[in-house]
C-alpha cells in the first residue's frame, strides 16, 4: 500500500529508513550491487523524496482481509504444514534413491523444506 514519505532517520545500525505517513518505517538502503539508491546517502537528494510515495509492506500485511479470520489463519498453517511434510518426504525419498546415507537423506529433506516457495503456497490458497 503506497504511503507518503514524511522524513528519514537512521536505525541502530546506521541504515536509512523512510518515515511514512502511516507511522511505519521502511528501509531505503543503498547497497550496491543488490540495491541501487545513491540518493539515500546524500541529505539534499534524500529530501527530494519527501512527499513521494513508497510501498508500506506493514500496511499491506495489516490490511490483508484474506488473513483476518482465525479459521483462515488455521487453513494457511495447515497448508504450510502439509507442504513441509510433502517436501520432506520428497527430499528424503530422492536422497535415498540417489544413494545417500540416512543422515544425508535427512539433510536433503530439510533442505527441501527450507526451499519451499511460500508465495506459491499463498497464491494457491487464495485461488
Protein backbone atom coordinates (compact mmCIF):
# COMPACT_ATOMS: atom_id res chain seq x y z
CA UNK A 1 0.00 0.00 0.00
CA UNK A 2 1.57 3.28 -1.10
CA UNK A 3 2.21 5.82 1.67
CA UNK A 4 3.77 9.28 1.58
CA UNK A 5 7.34 9.70 2.86
CA UNK A 6 7.35 12.27 5.70
CA UNK A 7 11.05 12.12 6.57
CA UNK A 8 14.05 9.87 7.18
CA UNK A 9 16.00 8.51 10.12
CA UNK A 10 18.80 6.01 10.74
CA UNK A 11 18.22 2.75 12.59
CA UNK A 12 20.53 1.42 15.33
CA UNK A 13 22.98 0.05 12.75
CA UNK A 14 23.14 3.24 10.66
CA UNK A 15 20.82 2.16 7.83
CA UNK A 16 18.43 4.80 6.48
CA UNK A 17 14.70 4.34 6.94
CA UNK A 18 11.85 6.33 5.41
CA UNK A 19 9.25 7.61 7.89
CA UNK A 20 5.85 7.09 6.31
CA UNK A 21 2.56 8.92 6.84
CA UNK A 22 1.01 5.79 8.35
CA UNK A 23 3.55 5.77 11.19
CA UNK A 24 5.52 2.80 9.84
CA UNK A 25 9.11 2.92 8.57
CA UNK A 26 10.68 1.23 5.56
CA UNK A 27 14.37 0.66 4.82
CA UNK A 28 15.77 2.67 1.92
CA UNK A 29 19.28 1.27 1.69
CA UNK A 30 21.93 1.95 -0.90
CA UNK A 31 23.73 -1.40 -1.00
CA UNK A 32 25.28 -1.98 -4.45
CA UNK A 33 25.10 -4.18 -6.41
CA UNK A 34 21.90 -5.50 -4.81
CA UNK A 35 20.10 -2.25 -4.08
CA UNK A 36 20.94 0.89 -6.05
CA UNK A 37 19.70 4.03 -4.30
CA UNK A 38 22.57 6.54 -4.36
CA UNK A 39 20.17 9.33 -3.34
CA UNK A 40 19.93 7.80 0.14
CA UNK A 41 23.47 8.73 1.15
CA UNK A 42 23.12 12.45 0.34
CA UNK A 43 20.91 14.63 2.57
CA UNK A 44 19.84 17.00 -0.22
CA UNK A 45 18.97 14.13 -2.55
CA UNK A 46 17.11 12.30 0.24
CA UNK A 47 14.99 15.35 0.98
CA UNK A 48 13.82 15.42 -2.64
CA UNK A 49 11.97 12.17 -1.91
CA UNK A 50 9.92 13.65 0.95
CA UNK A 51 6.33 13.78 -0.29
CA UNK A 52 6.75 10.91 -2.73
CA UNK A 53 5.18 7.54 -2.08
CA UNK A 54 6.68 4.24 -1.03
CA UNK A 55 5.02 0.86 -0.61
CA UNK A 56 4.41 0.12 3.08
CA UNK A 57 4.59 -3.65 3.50
CA UNK A 58 3.41 -3.35 7.12
CA UNK A 59 0.17 -1.74 5.95
CA UNK A 60 -0.17 -4.41 3.24
CA UNK A 61 0.05 -7.13 5.88
CA UNK A 62 -2.25 -5.38 8.38
CA UNK A 63 -4.90 -4.62 5.76
CA UNK A 64 -4.93 -8.01 4.01
CA UNK A 65 -8.54 -9.02 4.58
CA UNK A 66 -7.79 -12.56 3.42
CA UNK A 67 -5.70 -13.17 6.56
CA UNK A 68 -8.05 -11.76 9.19
CA UNK A 69 -10.14 -14.66 10.43
CA UNK A 70 -8.75 -17.28 12.77
CA UNK A 71 -10.20 -20.01 10.56
CA UNK A 72 -8.32 -18.70 7.53
CA UNK A 73 -5.10 -18.46 9.52
CA UNK A 74 -5.58 -22.08 10.60
CA UNK A 75 -6.17 -23.14 6.98
CA UNK A 76 -2.97 -21.38 5.90
CA UNK A 77 -0.99 -23.04 8.71
CA UNK A 78 -2.38 -26.44 7.73
CA UNK A 79 -1.45 -25.90 4.08
CA UNK A 80 2.10 -24.87 5.02
CA UNK A 81 2.39 -27.90 7.33
CA UNK A 82 1.22 -30.22 4.53
CA UNK A 83 3.65 -28.63 2.05
CA UNK A 84 6.52 -29.03 4.55
CA UNK A 85 5.66 -32.69 5.09
CA UNK A 86 5.46 -33.32 1.34
CA UNK A 87 8.77 -31.52 0.74
CA UNK A 88 10.48 -33.55 3.48
CA UNK A 89 9.20 -36.87 2.16
CA UNK A 90 10.04 -35.98 -1.45
CA UNK A 91 13.53 -34.83 -0.48
CA UNK A 92 14.19 -37.91 1.67
CA UNK A 93 12.98 -40.33 -1.00
CA UNK A 94 15.02 -38.59 -3.70
CA UNK A 95 18.11 -38.72 -1.48
CA UNK A 96 17.69 -42.42 -0.71
CA UNK A 97 17.17 -43.25 -4.39
CA UNK A 98 20.33 -41.24 -5.10
CA UNK A 99 22.25 -43.43 -2.66
CA UNK A 100 22.74 -41.02 0.23
CA UNK A 101 23.00 -42.39 3.76
CA UNK A 102 20.26 -41.83 6.34
CA UNK A 103 21.87 -38.63 7.69
CA UNK A 104 22.47 -37.26 4.21
CA UNK A 105 18.89 -38.04 3.26
CA UNK A 106 17.62 -36.10 6.27
CA UNK A 107 19.83 -33.16 5.37
CA UNK A 108 18.36 -33.12 1.88
CA UNK A 109 14.83 -33.47 3.26
CA UNK A 110 15.38 -30.41 5.46
CA UNK A 111 16.86 -28.51 2.52
CA UNK A 112 13.66 -29.25 0.58
CA UNK A 113 11.62 -27.70 3.40
CA UNK A 114 13.90 -24.63 3.51
CA UNK A 115 13.47 -24.13 -0.23
CA UNK A 116 9.67 -24.07 -0.14
CA UNK A 117 8.20 -21.14 -2.04
CA UNK A 118 5.79 -19.59 0.47
CA UNK A 119 4.46 -17.11 -2.13
CA UNK A 120 3.46 -20.06 -4.34
CA UNK A 121 1.68 -21.69 -1.41
CA UNK A 122 -0.19 -18.48 -0.61
CA UNK A 123 -1.20 -17.91 -4.23
CA UNK A 124 -2.61 -21.41 -4.39
CA UNK A 125 -4.50 -20.77 -1.16
CA UNK A 126 -6.10 -17.55 -2.39
CA UNK A 127 -7.49 -19.15 -5.55
